[in-house]
Amino acid sequence: MGAIAANDLKVHGVKAIEGALAQQPEATISVRGKVKYVVVDAEHYNHLRECELEAALAESRADIAAGRFVREDAGQHIRRLKQKLG
């Protein structure tokens, strides 16, 4: 993963990010020698979001298959939430 120092980002701006992302899909930005941020291009970000959504869908399907769900109307749902919140 490419690394960009915060100072390089200040001096070179978006060009520093573009340069780092030209070689790999992710780049880190370090502040005072510690990695603080990760930068990805929009296409890669959208891919990661799709992966998260697919994982959530798979988890939901597994919960349904295992019977880990509640069937209720909106009023019942609100009452159950209020009970849980105390």
C-alpha atoms as a PDB file:
ATOM      1  CA  MET A   1       0.000   0.000   0.000  1.00  0.00           C
ATOM      2  CA  GLY A   2       1.420   3.376  -0.956  1.00  0.00           C
ATOM      3  CA  ALA A   3       2.102   5.881   1.777  1.00  0.00           C
ATOM      4  CA  ILE A   4       1.692   9.642   1.604  1.00  0.00           C
ATOM      5  CA  ALA A   5       3.010  11.908   4.330  1.00  0.00           C
ATOM      6  CA  ALA A   6       0.636  14.682   5.378  1.00  0.00           C
ATOM      7  CA  ASN A   7       3.297  17.212   4.387  1.00  0.00           C
ATOM      8  CA  ASP A   8       3.472  15.742   0.857  1.00  0.00           C
ATOM      9  CA  LEU A   9      -0.298  16.068   0.677  1.00  0.00           C
ATOM     10  CA  LYS A  10      -0.066  19.719   1.706  1.00  0.00           C
ATOM     11  CA  VAL A  11       2.614  20.436  -0.881  1.00  0.00           C
ATOM     12  CA  HIS A  12       1.357  18.332  -3.798  1.00  0.00           C
ATOM     13  CA  GLY A  13      -2.387  18.092  -3.074  1.00  0.00           C
ATOM     14  CA  VAL A  14      -4.466  15.700  -5.137  1.00  0.00           C
ATOM     15  CA  LYS A  15      -1.456  14.896  -7.340  1.00  0.00           C
ATOM     16  CA  ALA A  16       0.123  13.076  -4.378  1.00  0.00           C
ATOM     17  CA  ILE A  17      -2.995  10.924  -4.031  1.00  0.00           C
ATOM     18  CA  GLU A  18      -3.237  10.297  -7.765  1.00  0.00           C
ATOM     19  CA  GLY A  19       0.415   9.238  -7.855  1.00  0.00           C
ATOM     20  CA  ALA A  20      -0.003   6.792  -4.994  1.00  0.00           C
ATOM     21  CA  LEU A  21      -3.215   5.329  -6.416  1.00  0.00           C
ATOM     22  CA  ALA A  22      -1.658   4.887  -9.865  1.00  0.00           C
ATOM     23  CA  GLN A  23       0.321   1.951  -8.495  1.00  0.00           C
ATOM     24  CA  GLN A  24      -2.208   0.286  -6.174  1.00  0.00           C
ATOM     25  CA  PRO A  25      -5.883   0.587  -5.189  1.00  0.00           C
ATOM     26  CA  GLU A  26      -5.214   2.016  -1.703  1.00  0.00           C
ATOM     27  CA  ALA A  27      -2.863   4.548  -0.159  1.00  0.00           C
ATOM     28  CA  THR A  28      -2.296   5.558   3.437  1.00  0.00           C
ATOM     29  CA  ILE A  29      -1.823   9.079   4.701  1.00  0.00           C
ATOM     30  CA  SER A  30       0.450   9.394   7.697  1.00  0.00           C
ATOM     31  CA  VAL A  31       0.445  12.244  10.174  1.00  0.00           C
ATOM     32  CA  ARG A  32       3.522  12.638  12.365  1.00  0.00           C
ATOM     33  CA  GLY A  33       4.727   9.214  11.248  1.00  0.00           C
ATOM     34  CA  LYS A  34       1.532   7.333  12.104  1.00  0.00           C
ATOM     35  CA  VAL A  35      -0.989   6.048   9.567  1.00  0.00           C
ATOM     36  CA  LYS A  36      -4.151   8.077  10.099  1.00  0.00           C
ATOM     37  CA  TYR A  37      -6.180   7.694   6.878  1.00  0.00           C
ATOM     38  CA  VAL A  38      -6.654   5.326   3.960  1.00  0.00           C
ATOM     39  CA  VAL A  39      -7.552   6.712   0.545  1.00  0.00           C
ATOM     40  CA  VAL A  40      -9.135   4.737  -2.295  1.00  0.00           C
ATOM     41  CA  ASP A  41     -10.532   5.819  -5.645  1.00  0.00           C
ATOM     42  CA  ALA A  42     -14.310   6.003  -6.038  1.00  0.00           C
ATOM     43  CA  GLU A  43     -14.550   2.808  -8.102  1.00  0.00           C
ATOM     44  CA  HIS A  44     -12.679   0.797  -5.453  1.00  0.00           C
ATOM     45  CA  TYR A  45     -14.756   2.392  -2.674  1.00  0.00           C
ATOM     46  CA  ASN A  46     -17.978   1.413  -4.444  1.00  0.00           C
ATOM     47  CA  HIS A  47     -16.671  -2.140  -4.796  1.00  0.00           C
ATOM     48  CA  LEU A  48     -15.919  -2.294  -1.062  1.00  0.00           C
ATOM     49  CA  ARG A  49     -19.419  -0.986  -0.235  1.00  0.00           C
ATOM     50  CA  GLU A  50     -20.969  -3.658  -2.482  1.00  0.00           C
ATOM     51  CA  CYS A  51     -18.928  -6.298  -0.637  1.00  0.00           C
ATOM     52  CA  GLU A  52     -20.198  -4.989   2.720  1.00  0.00           C
ATOM     53  CA  LEU A  53     -23.781  -5.091   1.480  1.00  0.00           C
ATOM     54  CA  GLU A  54     -23.359  -8.621   0.133  1.00  0.00           C
ATOM     55  CA  ALA A  55     -21.917  -9.737   3.484  1.00  0.00           C
ATOM     56  CA  ALA A  56     -24.840  -8.155   5.364  1.00  0.00           C
ATOM     57  CA  LEU A  57     -27.303  -9.869   3.021  1.00  0.00           C
ATOM     58  CA  ALA A  58     -25.599 -13.241   3.523  1.00  0.00           C
ATOM     59  CA  GLU A  59     -25.700 -12.746   7.302  1.00  0.00           C
ATOM     60  CA  SER A  60     -29.407 -11.876   7.150  1.00  0.00           C
ATOM     61  CA  ARG A  61     -30.158 -14.932   5.043  1.00  0.00           C
ATOM     62  CA  ALA A  62     -28.266 -17.124   7.513  1.00  0.00           C
ATOM     63  CA  ASP A  63     -30.256 -15.618  10.408  1.00  0.00           C
ATOM     64  CA  ILE A  64     -33.538 -16.328   8.619  1.00  0.00           C
ATOM     65  CA  ALA A  65     -32.490 -19.892   7.782  1.00  0.00           C
ATOM     66  CA  ALA A  66     -31.550 -20.470  11.441  1.00  0.00           C
ATOM     67  CA  GLY A  67     -34.806 -18.977  12.709  1.00  0.00           C
ATOM     68  CA  ARG A  68     -33.142 -15.963  14.318  1.00  0.00           C
ATOM     69  CA  PHE A  69     -35.844 -13.423  13.510  1.00  0.00           C
ATOM     70  CA  VAL A  70     -39.043 -11.972  14.950  1.00  0.00           C
ATOM     71  CA  ARG A  71     -42.278 -11.541  13.050  1.00  0.00           C
ATOM     72  CA  GLU A  72     -44.267  -8.546  14.348  1.00  0.00           C
ATOM     73  CA  ASP A  73     -46.109  -5.428  13.242  1.00  0.00           C
ATOM     74  CA  ALA A  74     -44.725  -1.906  13.693  1.00  0.00           C
ATOM     75  CA  GLY A  75     -46.481  -1.336  17.027  1.00  0.00           C
ATOM     76  CA  GLN A  76     -45.135  -4.578  18.475  1.00  0.00           C
ATOM     77  CA  HIS A  77     -41.676  -3.686  17.237  1.00  0.00           C
ATOM     78  CA  ILE A  78     -41.751  -0.260  18.931  1.00  0.00           C
ATOM     79  CA  ARG A  79     -42.952  -1.807  22.220  1.00  0.00           C
ATOM     80  CA  ARG A  80     -40.175  -4.422  22.090  1.00  0.00           C
ATOM     81  CA  LEU A  81     -37.562  -1.744  21.460  1.00  0.00           C
ATOM     82  CA  LYS A  82     -38.840   0.372  24.346  1.00  0.00           C
ATOM     83  CA  GLN A  83     -38.631  -2.659  26.652  1.00  0.00           C
ATOM     84  CA  LYS A  84     -35.049  -3.326  25.607  1.00  0.00           C
ATOM     85  CA  LEU A  85     -34.082   0.306  26.161  1.00  0.00           C
ATOM     86  CA  GLY A  86     -35.636   0.205  29.614  1.00  0.00           C
END
